[in-house]
N, C-alpha and C. Protein backbone atom coordinates (compact mmCIF):
# COMPACT_ATOMS: atom_id res chain seq x y z
N MET A 1 -7.06 -28.00 -74.89
CA MET A 1 -7.78 -29.21 -74.62
C MET A 1 -6.81 -30.38 -74.69
N ALA A 2 -6.80 -31.24 -73.69
CA ALA A 2 -5.92 -32.41 -73.68
C ALA A 2 -6.76 -33.67 -73.92
N LEU A 3 -6.31 -34.50 -74.84
CA LEU A 3 -6.96 -35.77 -75.15
C LEU A 3 -5.96 -36.90 -74.99
N ASP A 4 -6.41 -38.02 -74.47
CA ASP A 4 -5.55 -39.20 -74.40
C ASP A 4 -5.43 -39.86 -75.76
N GLY A 5 -6.53 -39.87 -76.51
CA GLY A 5 -6.54 -40.51 -77.81
C GLY A 5 -7.68 -40.03 -78.66
N ILE A 6 -7.53 -40.22 -79.96
CA ILE A 6 -8.58 -39.84 -80.90
C ILE A 6 -8.64 -40.91 -81.98
N ILE A 7 -9.87 -41.29 -82.36
CA ILE A 7 -10.09 -42.26 -83.42
C ILE A 7 -10.72 -41.53 -84.59
N THR A 8 -10.14 -41.72 -85.77
CA THR A 8 -10.65 -41.05 -86.96
C THR A 8 -10.87 -42.05 -88.09
N ASP A 9 -11.42 -41.56 -89.17
CA ASP A 9 -11.67 -42.39 -90.34
C ASP A 9 -10.50 -42.28 -91.33
N GLN A 10 -9.31 -42.40 -90.85
CA GLN A 10 -8.08 -42.41 -91.64
C GLN A 10 -7.74 -41.05 -92.24
N CYS A 11 -8.05 -40.00 -91.51
CA CYS A 11 -7.66 -38.68 -91.97
C CYS A 11 -6.14 -38.53 -91.85
N LYS A 12 -5.66 -37.44 -92.32
CA LYS A 12 -4.21 -37.20 -92.30
C LYS A 12 -3.68 -37.14 -90.87
N LYS A 13 -2.74 -38.02 -90.56
CA LYS A 13 -2.19 -38.08 -89.21
C LYS A 13 -1.45 -36.80 -88.84
N ASN A 14 -0.82 -36.17 -89.81
CA ASN A 14 -0.06 -34.96 -89.49
C ASN A 14 -0.96 -33.83 -88.99
N VAL A 15 -2.21 -33.79 -89.44
CA VAL A 15 -3.15 -32.77 -88.98
C VAL A 15 -3.47 -33.00 -87.50
N ILE A 16 -3.72 -34.25 -87.15
CA ILE A 16 -4.00 -34.59 -85.75
C ILE A 16 -2.80 -34.21 -84.88
N ALA A 17 -1.59 -34.52 -85.35
CA ALA A 17 -0.38 -34.22 -84.59
C ALA A 17 -0.20 -32.72 -84.38
N VAL A 18 -0.59 -31.93 -85.35
CA VAL A 18 -0.46 -30.46 -85.22
C VAL A 18 -1.50 -29.91 -84.25
N VAL A 19 -2.73 -30.35 -84.39
CA VAL A 19 -3.81 -29.81 -83.57
C VAL A 19 -3.78 -30.38 -82.15
N PHE A 20 -3.48 -31.67 -82.03
CA PHE A 20 -3.42 -32.35 -80.73
C PHE A 20 -2.07 -33.05 -80.60
N PRO A 21 -1.01 -32.30 -80.34
CA PRO A 21 0.35 -32.87 -80.38
C PRO A 21 0.63 -33.97 -79.34
N ASN A 22 -0.08 -34.01 -78.27
CA ASN A 22 0.18 -35.01 -77.23
C ASN A 22 -0.89 -36.11 -77.19
N THR A 23 -1.57 -36.30 -78.31
CA THR A 23 -2.68 -37.23 -78.37
C THR A 23 -2.34 -38.41 -79.28
N ARG A 24 -2.68 -39.61 -78.83
CA ARG A 24 -2.50 -40.79 -79.67
C ARG A 24 -3.58 -40.82 -80.74
N HIS A 25 -3.19 -41.07 -81.97
CA HIS A 25 -4.13 -41.15 -83.08
C HIS A 25 -4.28 -42.60 -83.52
N ARG A 26 -5.50 -43.05 -83.63
CA ARG A 26 -5.80 -44.40 -84.11
C ARG A 26 -6.88 -44.29 -85.18
N CYS A 27 -6.77 -45.18 -86.17
CA CYS A 27 -7.78 -45.23 -87.23
C CYS A 27 -8.93 -46.13 -86.79
N CYS A 28 -10.10 -45.81 -87.26
CA CYS A 28 -11.30 -46.56 -86.95
C CYS A 28 -11.18 -47.99 -87.48
N LEU A 29 -11.46 -48.96 -86.62
CA LEU A 29 -11.34 -50.37 -86.99
C LEU A 29 -12.27 -50.71 -88.15
N TRP A 30 -13.45 -50.15 -88.17
CA TRP A 30 -14.38 -50.42 -89.26
C TRP A 30 -13.77 -50.03 -90.61
N HIS A 31 -13.14 -48.86 -90.67
CA HIS A 31 -12.52 -48.39 -91.90
C HIS A 31 -11.33 -49.27 -92.28
N ILE A 32 -10.58 -49.69 -91.31
CA ILE A 32 -9.43 -50.57 -91.59
C ILE A 32 -9.92 -51.88 -92.18
N MET A 33 -10.90 -52.51 -91.53
CA MET A 33 -11.39 -53.81 -91.99
C MET A 33 -12.10 -53.69 -93.34
N LYS A 34 -12.67 -52.55 -93.63
CA LYS A 34 -13.34 -52.34 -94.91
C LYS A 34 -12.33 -52.38 -96.07
N LYS A 35 -11.07 -52.05 -95.80
CA LYS A 35 -10.04 -52.04 -96.84
C LYS A 35 -9.37 -53.40 -97.06
N VAL A 36 -9.70 -54.38 -96.25
CA VAL A 36 -9.07 -55.70 -96.37
C VAL A 36 -9.23 -56.28 -97.77
N PRO A 37 -10.44 -56.29 -98.36
CA PRO A 37 -10.56 -56.85 -99.71
C PRO A 37 -9.70 -56.11 -100.74
N GLU A 38 -9.63 -54.80 -100.61
CA GLU A 38 -8.84 -53.99 -101.54
C GLU A 38 -7.35 -54.32 -101.42
N LYS A 39 -6.88 -54.49 -100.20
CA LYS A 39 -5.46 -54.71 -99.96
C LYS A 39 -5.02 -56.15 -100.14
N LEU A 40 -5.88 -57.10 -99.80
CA LEU A 40 -5.48 -58.51 -99.80
C LEU A 40 -6.34 -59.40 -100.70
N GLY A 41 -7.37 -58.84 -101.31
CA GLY A 41 -8.33 -59.62 -102.09
C GLY A 41 -7.73 -60.39 -103.25
N GLY A 42 -6.62 -59.95 -103.78
CA GLY A 42 -6.00 -60.62 -104.92
C GLY A 42 -5.17 -61.84 -104.57
N LEU A 43 -4.95 -62.08 -103.30
CA LEU A 43 -4.14 -63.22 -102.89
C LEU A 43 -4.94 -64.51 -102.99
N THR A 44 -4.28 -65.58 -103.38
CA THR A 44 -4.98 -66.85 -103.58
C THR A 44 -5.57 -67.41 -102.29
N THR A 45 -4.98 -67.06 -101.16
CA THR A 45 -5.47 -67.56 -99.86
C THR A 45 -6.34 -66.52 -99.16
N TYR A 46 -6.95 -65.62 -99.94
CA TYR A 46 -7.69 -64.51 -99.36
C TYR A 46 -8.76 -64.93 -98.35
N LYS A 47 -9.55 -65.94 -98.65
CA LYS A 47 -10.63 -66.34 -97.74
C LYS A 47 -10.07 -66.76 -96.38
N THR A 48 -8.99 -67.50 -96.39
CA THR A 48 -8.36 -67.92 -95.14
C THR A 48 -7.74 -66.73 -94.43
N ILE A 49 -7.09 -65.87 -95.18
CA ILE A 49 -6.48 -64.66 -94.61
C ILE A 49 -7.55 -63.81 -93.93
N LYS A 50 -8.66 -63.58 -94.63
CA LYS A 50 -9.74 -62.76 -94.08
C LYS A 50 -10.30 -63.38 -92.80
N HIS A 51 -10.52 -64.67 -92.81
CA HIS A 51 -11.03 -65.36 -91.63
C HIS A 51 -10.07 -65.21 -90.45
N ASP A 52 -8.80 -65.51 -90.69
CA ASP A 52 -7.82 -65.43 -89.61
C ASP A 52 -7.62 -64.01 -89.11
N LEU A 53 -7.65 -63.04 -90.02
CA LEU A 53 -7.51 -61.64 -89.61
C LEU A 53 -8.68 -61.20 -88.74
N LYS A 54 -9.89 -61.54 -89.15
CA LYS A 54 -11.07 -61.19 -88.34
C LYS A 54 -10.97 -61.81 -86.95
N GLN A 55 -10.58 -63.06 -86.90
CA GLN A 55 -10.44 -63.74 -85.62
C GLN A 55 -9.41 -63.03 -84.75
N LEU A 56 -8.27 -62.68 -85.34
CA LEU A 56 -7.22 -61.99 -84.59
C LEU A 56 -7.70 -60.63 -84.09
N VAL A 57 -8.31 -59.86 -84.96
CA VAL A 57 -8.74 -58.50 -84.61
C VAL A 57 -9.86 -58.50 -83.57
N TYR A 58 -10.85 -59.34 -83.77
CA TYR A 58 -12.03 -59.28 -82.92
C TYR A 58 -11.95 -60.16 -81.67
N GLU A 59 -11.02 -61.10 -81.63
CA GLU A 59 -10.95 -62.01 -80.49
C GLU A 59 -9.69 -61.85 -79.63
N SER A 60 -8.82 -60.93 -79.98
CA SER A 60 -7.64 -60.69 -79.14
C SER A 60 -8.09 -60.07 -77.83
N THR A 61 -7.57 -60.60 -76.75
CA THR A 61 -7.99 -60.14 -75.42
C THR A 61 -7.05 -59.11 -74.80
N SER A 62 -5.92 -58.86 -75.45
CA SER A 62 -4.98 -57.87 -74.94
C SER A 62 -4.06 -57.42 -76.07
N THR A 63 -3.33 -56.36 -75.83
CA THR A 63 -2.37 -55.87 -76.81
C THR A 63 -1.31 -56.92 -77.09
N ILE A 64 -0.82 -57.55 -76.03
CA ILE A 64 0.20 -58.59 -76.19
C ILE A 64 -0.34 -59.75 -77.02
N HIS A 65 -1.55 -60.18 -76.71
CA HIS A 65 -2.19 -61.27 -77.47
C HIS A 65 -2.28 -60.90 -78.95
N PHE A 66 -2.69 -59.66 -79.25
CA PHE A 66 -2.79 -59.22 -80.63
C PHE A 66 -1.42 -59.18 -81.29
N GLU A 67 -0.44 -58.58 -80.63
CA GLU A 67 0.90 -58.43 -81.22
C GLU A 67 1.52 -59.79 -81.54
N LEU A 68 1.40 -60.74 -80.63
CA LEU A 68 1.93 -62.08 -80.89
C LEU A 68 1.17 -62.74 -82.04
N GLY A 69 -0.14 -62.58 -82.04
CA GLY A 69 -0.95 -63.13 -83.12
C GLY A 69 -0.66 -62.48 -84.45
N TRP A 70 -0.38 -61.17 -84.43
CA TRP A 70 -0.06 -60.45 -85.66
C TRP A 70 1.23 -60.98 -86.28
N GLU A 71 2.24 -61.16 -85.45
CA GLU A 71 3.52 -61.71 -85.94
C GLU A 71 3.30 -63.08 -86.57
N GLN A 72 2.51 -63.91 -85.91
CA GLN A 72 2.22 -65.25 -86.42
C GLN A 72 1.41 -65.17 -87.72
N PHE A 73 0.44 -64.27 -87.78
CA PHE A 73 -0.38 -64.07 -88.97
C PHE A 73 0.49 -63.68 -90.17
N ILE A 74 1.37 -62.71 -89.98
CA ILE A 74 2.26 -62.25 -91.05
C ILE A 74 3.15 -63.40 -91.53
N SER A 75 3.67 -64.18 -90.60
CA SER A 75 4.51 -65.32 -90.96
C SER A 75 3.71 -66.41 -91.67
N ASN A 76 2.54 -66.75 -91.14
CA ASN A 76 1.72 -67.83 -91.72
C ASN A 76 1.39 -67.57 -93.19
N PHE A 77 1.14 -66.32 -93.53
CA PHE A 77 0.73 -65.99 -94.90
C PHE A 77 1.84 -65.31 -95.70
N ASP A 78 3.05 -65.32 -95.18
CA ASP A 78 4.22 -64.74 -95.85
C ASP A 78 3.92 -63.32 -96.36
N LEU A 79 3.46 -62.49 -95.45
CA LEU A 79 3.08 -61.10 -95.80
C LEU A 79 4.13 -60.09 -95.36
N HIS A 80 5.35 -60.52 -95.12
CA HIS A 80 6.39 -59.63 -94.62
C HIS A 80 6.63 -58.42 -95.51
N HIS A 81 6.48 -58.58 -96.82
CA HIS A 81 6.77 -57.49 -97.74
C HIS A 81 5.51 -56.89 -98.36
N ASN A 82 4.37 -57.25 -97.84
CA ASN A 82 3.10 -56.73 -98.35
C ASN A 82 2.78 -55.41 -97.65
N GLU A 83 2.61 -54.36 -98.44
CA GLU A 83 2.29 -53.06 -97.85
C GLU A 83 0.85 -53.01 -97.43
């Protein structure tokens, strides 16, 4: 079976690669956004970060628009070393 892409709830990527070696794996956006408070909630600018992140994620009109916005987002909040 050939798939162009598969969206999962953050399961192990290596399993997807073994079973579907030529398939792009993406994590579910809902699951990613659900982890925002856990990952960034301790930052003093969390409310602004959350607002700007939601705007970037939900209002980007293209991959290029998102990528440029992501770079700006990381710079604006000095998140270069935040895992």
